[in-house]
Protein backbone atom coordinates (compact mmCIF):
# COMPACT_ATOMS: atom_id res chain seq x y z
CA MET A 1 -3.72 34.35 25.84
CA ALA A 2 -3.33 31.82 23.04
CA MET A 3 -6.31 29.63 22.24
CA PRO A 4 -5.61 25.93 21.76
CA LEU A 5 -6.36 24.57 18.32
CA THR A 6 -9.13 22.03 18.05
CA HIS A 7 -9.55 19.51 15.29
CA ARG A 8 -12.97 18.77 13.88
CA ARG A 9 -13.47 15.15 12.86
CA PHE A 10 -16.15 14.42 10.30
CA THR A 11 -18.59 11.54 10.07
CA VAL A 12 -19.18 9.53 6.92
CA ASP A 13 -22.60 11.22 6.61
CA GLU A 14 -21.04 14.70 6.83
CA TYR A 15 -18.42 13.65 4.28
CA HIS A 16 -21.18 12.64 1.85
CA ARG A 17 -23.05 15.89 2.47
CA MET A 18 -19.88 17.81 1.53
CA VAL A 19 -20.00 16.04 -1.84
CA ASP A 20 -23.72 16.80 -2.21
CA ALA A 21 -23.06 20.48 -1.39
CA GLY A 22 -20.19 20.73 -3.88
CA VAL A 23 -17.49 21.27 -1.23
CA LEU A 24 -15.91 18.02 -2.38
CA HIS A 25 -16.29 16.49 -5.81
CA GLU A 26 -16.63 12.82 -6.70
CA ASP A 27 -13.39 12.94 -8.66
CA ASP A 28 -11.36 14.53 -5.83
CA ARG A 29 -8.53 12.21 -4.73
CA VAL A 30 -9.53 12.12 -1.05
CA GLU A 31 -10.72 9.59 1.49
CA LEU A 32 -12.04 9.82 5.04
CA LEU A 33 -9.85 8.18 7.69
CA ASP A 34 -10.73 8.42 11.37
CA GLY A 35 -12.74 11.57 10.68
CA GLU A 36 -10.02 13.37 8.72
CA ILE A 37 -10.24 14.10 5.02
CA VAL A 38 -6.94 12.91 3.58
CA GLU A 39 -5.66 13.77 0.13
CA VAL A 40 -4.46 10.66 -1.69
CA THR A 41 -1.36 10.68 -3.87
CA PRO A 42 -1.83 10.44 -7.66
CA ILE A 43 -1.71 6.97 -9.18
CA GLY A 44 1.42 6.36 -11.24
CA PRO A 45 1.79 3.84 -14.08
CA ARG A 46 3.47 1.16 -11.94
CA HIS A 47 0.70 1.37 -9.33
CA ALA A 48 -2.05 1.33 -11.98
CA GLY A 49 -0.46 -1.65 -13.76
CA CYS A 50 -0.36 -3.64 -10.53
CA VAL A 51 -4.03 -2.87 -9.81
CA ASP A 52 -4.90 -3.89 -13.39
CA ARG A 53 -3.05 -7.21 -12.96
CA LEU A 54 -4.84 -7.89 -9.68
CA ASN A 55 -8.19 -7.02 -11.24
CA SER A 56 -7.62 -9.33 -14.22
CA ARG A 57 -6.40 -12.31 -12.22
CA LEU A 58 -8.79 -12.04 -9.29
CA SER A 59 -11.86 -11.60 -11.48
CA ARG A 60 -11.00 -14.90 -13.22
CA LEU A 61 -10.06 -16.76 -10.03
CA CYS A 62 -12.95 -15.59 -7.85
CA GLY A 63 -15.82 -15.95 -10.28
CA ASP A 64 -19.02 -15.75 -8.23
CA GLN A 65 -17.27 -16.58 -4.94
CA ALA A 66 -16.61 -12.89 -4.26
CA VAL A 67 -17.43 -9.43 -5.53
CA LEU A 68 -14.32 -7.66 -6.80
CA ARG A 69 -14.26 -3.91 -6.12
CA VAL A 70 -11.45 -1.79 -7.54
CA GLN A 71 -10.66 1.58 -5.93
CA GLY A 72 -14.17 1.89 -4.53
CA PRO A 73 -15.25 3.12 -1.10
CA VAL A 74 -15.96 0.98 1.94
CA VAL A 75 -17.57 2.33 5.10
CA LEU A 76 -15.65 1.46 8.26
CA GLY A 77 -17.49 2.76 11.30
CA LEU A 78 -18.91 6.26 11.68
CA ARG A 79 -15.79 8.19 10.66
CA SER A 80 -13.94 6.28 7.94
CA GLU A 81 -14.53 5.68 4.26
CA PRO A 82 -11.25 4.60 2.65
CA GLU A 83 -11.00 3.53 -0.98
CA PRO A 84 -8.76 0.45 -1.04
CA ASP A 85 -7.10 -0.41 -4.33
CA VAL A 86 -8.77 -3.83 -4.43
CA THR A 87 -11.41 -5.33 -2.16
CA LEU A 88 -12.96 -8.78 -2.23
CA LEU A 89 -16.50 -8.65 -0.86
CA ARG A 90 -19.11 -11.20 0.15
CA PRO A 91 -21.67 -11.80 -2.61
CA PRO A 92 -24.27 -11.06 -3.85
CA ILE A 93 -23.25 -7.96 -5.78
CA GLU A 94 -26.79 -6.53 -5.64
CA GLN A 95 -26.45 -5.69 -1.95
CA TYR A 96 -23.92 -2.95 -2.82
CA ALA A 97 -26.20 -1.14 -5.28
CA ASN A 98 -27.74 1.08 -2.58
CA ALA A 99 -25.04 1.20 0.10
CA HIS A 100 -21.28 0.93 0.24
CA PRO A 101 -19.88 -2.26 1.79
CA ARG A 102 -19.19 -2.35 5.52
CA ALA A 103 -16.46 -4.16 7.46
CA ALA A 104 -18.52 -7.36 7.80
CA ASP A 105 -18.81 -7.55 4.00
CA ILE A 106 -15.03 -7.56 3.40
CA LEU A 107 -13.09 -10.76 2.76
CA LEU A 108 -9.77 -9.18 1.71
CA VAL A 109 -8.32 -5.70 1.24
CA ILE A 110 -5.34 -5.13 -1.03
CA GLU A 111 -3.46 -1.84 -0.91
CA VAL A 112 -0.89 -1.19 -3.65
CA ALA A 113 1.79 1.22 -2.48
CA ASP A 114 4.38 2.93 -4.63
CA THR A 115 4.84 6.24 -2.80
CA SER A 116 2.35 5.59 0.02
CA VAL A 117 3.88 2.63 1.87
CA GLU A 118 4.17 4.39 5.23
CA TYR A 119 0.74 6.02 4.93
CA ASP A 120 -0.86 2.66 4.19
CA ARG A 121 1.09 0.88 6.94
CA SER A 122 0.59 3.46 9.70
CA GLY A 123 -2.77 4.94 8.70
CA LYS A 124 -4.86 2.33 6.96
CA LEU A 125 -3.62 -0.99 8.44
CA PRO A 126 -4.47 -0.07 12.05
CA LEU A 127 -7.94 1.03 10.93
CA TYR A 128 -8.51 -2.21 9.03
CA ALA A 129 -7.39 -4.23 12.09
CA ARG A 130 -9.64 -2.27 14.49
CA MET A 131 -12.59 -2.86 12.16
CA GLY A 132 -11.92 -6.62 12.05
CA ILE A 133 -10.98 -6.92 8.37
CA PRO A 134 -9.74 -10.55 8.31
CA GLU A 135 -6.89 -10.08 5.85
CA VAL A 136 -4.93 -7.26 4.19
CA TRP A 137 -2.23 -7.48 1.54
CA LEU A 138 0.13 -4.53 1.18
CA VAL A 139 1.83 -4.68 -2.22
CA ASN A 140 5.06 -2.82 -1.47
CA LEU A 141 6.28 -1.89 -4.96
CA PRO A 142 9.53 -0.15 -3.88
CA ALA A 143 10.59 -3.22 -1.87
CA ASP A 144 9.36 -5.59 -4.61
CA ARG A 145 7.41 -7.76 -2.15
CA ILE A 146 3.98 -8.27 -0.64
CA GLU A 147 3.22 -8.00 3.05
CA THR A 148 0.23 -9.99 4.30
CA PHE A 149 -1.62 -9.35 7.55
CA ARG A 150 -4.11 -11.62 9.32
CA ASP A 151 -5.69 -12.09 12.75
CA PRO A 152 -6.96 -8.55 13.40
CA ARG A 153 -6.85 -7.21 16.94
CA GLU A 154 -7.66 -3.80 18.39
CA SER A 155 -3.91 -3.05 18.50
CA GLY A 156 -3.14 -4.26 14.95
CA TYR A 157 -2.66 -7.48 13.05
CA PHE A 158 -1.25 -10.40 15.02
CA THR A 159 0.12 -12.35 12.04
CA ALA A 160 2.30 -10.81 9.34
CA ARG A 161 4.20 -12.48 6.49
CA LEU A 162 6.55 -11.20 3.80
CA VAL A 163 6.01 -12.74 0.38
CA SER A 164 8.78 -12.49 -2.21
CA ARG A 165 9.02 -13.29 -5.88
CA GLY A 166 8.72 -17.01 -6.56
CA GLU A 167 6.21 -17.48 -3.72
CA THR A 168 2.43 -17.88 -3.83
CA LEU A 169 -0.30 -16.21 -1.79
CA SER A 170 -3.75 -17.58 -1.11
CA THR A 171 -6.61 -15.78 0.54
CA LEU A 172 -7.74 -16.74 4.01
CA GLU A 173 -11.47 -16.63 3.23
CA LEU A 174 -11.15 -18.21 -0.25
CA PRO A 175 -8.19 -20.63 0.04
CA ASP A 176 -8.52 -21.85 -3.56
CA VAL A 177 -7.87 -18.29 -4.79
CA ALA A 178 -4.09 -18.22 -5.11
CA LEU A 179 -1.75 -15.82 -6.90
CA SER A 180 1.98 -15.84 -7.43
CA ALA A 181 3.91 -12.85 -6.17
CA ASP A 182 5.38 -12.51 -9.67
CA ASP A 183 1.88 -12.18 -11.15
CA ILE A 184 1.09 -9.37 -8.73
CA LEU A 185 4.42 -7.52 -8.90
CA GLY A 186 4.75 -7.85 -12.69
């Protein structure tokens, strides 16, 4: 008689203990999504350049209005710790010295996708919506556009918009922080 396979989902605490025990290393390209440890694709030059542009522009535009986190972890519930490419967090910065930000701390998540568009859209976006992240931008490099998502619901984001070259985006939580699509896409 064949035994059914069972999947073991990990908690954020167990995930951290795996790092402490040496099972996972801090430089491993993995993140925890819905209890599963997911290997993340390597970052190519186009992806890295886009993240660098976002970092440069947002750090100038946001000033002290938000904390800018680049490719750092955020804790979303008991079983998820993704590492978005860019996250704008509520200040002050000192509150993140002893604990990773939580969903309530997040103003905006930006995911840059070169080879991971479908993974980000089907894996991360639903998680961000369930956790109540108010706004997500998906920089879709292959399509040369930016997809914005607002109004999170349990089933996903209610409002979506495609932003093309020549258009401008502003953040929901910080409306005076605006970027052109060309600045983001390069």
